[in-house]
Amino acid sequence: MEFLIRQELTHEYNTTEEIVKRAFLNEEYSDKKEHLLVNRIKNQMHSFLNFHWSH
């Protein structure tokens, strides 16, 4: 099995969110909010990178 790791594109955000939701759908110890965590991490990284490169 091969994997290609690359930066996610803006138009792929909804697809990525759906993949994360499905990945944890049947997990017993999931709060079904993992996709929200992924979004928070993305937003924080985006903010950090914008701040870092603008100063």
C-alpha atoms as a PDB file:
ATOM      1  CA  MET A   1       0.000   0.000   0.000  1.00  0.00           C
ATOM      2  CA  GLU A   2       1.346   3.424  -0.924  1.00  0.00           C
ATOM      3  CA  PHE A   3       0.481   6.760   0.619  1.00  0.00           C
ATOM      4  CA  LEU A   4       1.035  10.212  -0.761  1.00  0.00           C
ATOM      5  CA  ILE A   5       1.289  12.872   1.919  1.00  0.00           C
ATOM      6  CA  ARG A   6       0.669  16.395   0.693  1.00  0.00           C
ATOM      7  CA  GLN A   7      -0.898  19.624   1.806  1.00  0.00           C
ATOM      8  CA  GLU A   8      -4.671  19.571   1.879  1.00  0.00           C
ATOM      9  CA  LEU A   9      -6.337  21.959  -0.542  1.00  0.00           C
ATOM     10  CA  THR A  10      -9.164  24.263   0.525  1.00  0.00           C
ATOM     11  CA  HIS A  11     -11.733  22.562  -1.697  1.00  0.00           C
ATOM     12  CA  GLU A  12     -10.915  19.236   0.023  1.00  0.00           C
ATOM     13  CA  TYR A  13     -11.812  20.361   3.556  1.00  0.00           C
ATOM     14  CA  ASN A  14     -15.349  18.933   3.500  1.00  0.00           C
ATOM     15  CA  THR A  15     -14.124  15.598   2.158  1.00  0.00           C
ATOM     16  CA  THR A  16     -11.443  15.397   4.831  1.00  0.00           C
ATOM     17  CA  GLU A  17     -13.990  16.180   7.532  1.00  0.00           C
ATOM     18  CA  GLU A  18     -16.274  13.415   6.259  1.00  0.00           C
ATOM     19  CA  ILE A  19     -13.396  10.906   6.221  1.00  0.00           C
ATOM     20  CA  VAL A  20     -12.559  11.708   9.853  1.00  0.00           C
ATOM     21  CA  LYS A  21     -16.233  11.395  10.860  1.00  0.00           C
ATOM     22  CA  ARG A  22     -16.511   7.987   9.187  1.00  0.00           C
ATOM     23  CA  ALA A  23     -13.233   6.789  10.682  1.00  0.00           C
ATOM     24  CA  PHE A  24     -14.590   7.215  14.216  1.00  0.00           C
ATOM     25  CA  LEU A  25     -18.258   6.446  13.552  1.00  0.00           C
ATOM     26  CA  ASN A  26     -18.287   2.996  15.162  1.00  0.00           C
ATOM     27  CA  GLU A  27     -15.622   3.563  17.805  1.00  0.00           C
ATOM     28  CA  GLU A  28     -16.969   2.881  21.276  1.00  0.00           C
ATOM     29  CA  TYR A  29     -14.816   5.474  23.043  1.00  0.00           C
ATOM     30  CA  SER A  30     -15.344   8.278  20.557  1.00  0.00           C
ATOM     31  CA  ASP A  31     -17.286  11.423  21.308  1.00  0.00           C
ATOM     32  CA  LYS A  32     -17.929  11.768  17.547  1.00  0.00           C
ATOM     33  CA  LYS A  33     -16.205  15.169  17.596  1.00  0.00           C
ATOM     34  CA  GLU A  34     -12.807  14.196  16.197  1.00  0.00           C
ATOM     35  CA  HIS A  35     -13.504  16.138  13.021  1.00  0.00           C
ATOM     36  CA  LEU A  36     -13.873  19.281  15.129  1.00  0.00           C
ATOM     37  CA  LEU A  37     -10.452  18.650  16.659  1.00  0.00           C
ATOM     38  CA  VAL A  38      -8.941  18.275  13.192  1.00  0.00           C
ATOM     39  CA  ASN A  39     -10.531  21.582  12.162  1.00  0.00           C
ATOM     40  CA  ARG A  40      -9.195  23.333  15.283  1.00  0.00           C
ATOM     41  CA  ILE A  41      -5.689  22.061  14.588  1.00  0.00           C
ATOM     42  CA  LYS A  42      -5.916  23.208  10.974  1.00  0.00           C
ATOM     43  CA  ASN A  43      -7.121  26.659  12.019  1.00  0.00           C
ATOM     44  CA  GLN A  44      -4.408  27.024  14.648  1.00  0.00           C
ATOM     45  CA  MET A  45      -1.692  25.959  12.220  1.00  0.00           C
ATOM     46  CA  HIS A  46      -3.032  28.372   9.612  1.00  0.00           C
ATOM     47  CA  SER A  47      -3.028  31.225  12.142  1.00  0.00           C
ATOM     48  CA  PHE A  48       0.450  30.323  13.364  1.00  0.00           C
ATOM     49  CA  LEU A  49       1.904  30.165   9.862  1.00  0.00           C
ATOM     50  CA  ASN A  50       0.299  33.453   8.855  1.00  0.00           C
ATOM     51  CA  PHE A  51       1.642  35.140  11.983  1.00  0.00           C
ATOM     52  CA  HIS A  52       5.103  33.620  11.614  1.00  0.00           C
ATOM     53  CA  TRP A  53       5.537  34.639   7.989  1.00  0.00           C
ATOM     54  CA  SER A  54       4.070  38.113   8.381  1.00  0.00           C
ATOM     55  CA  HIS A  55       6.508  39.216  11.125  1.00  0.00           C
END
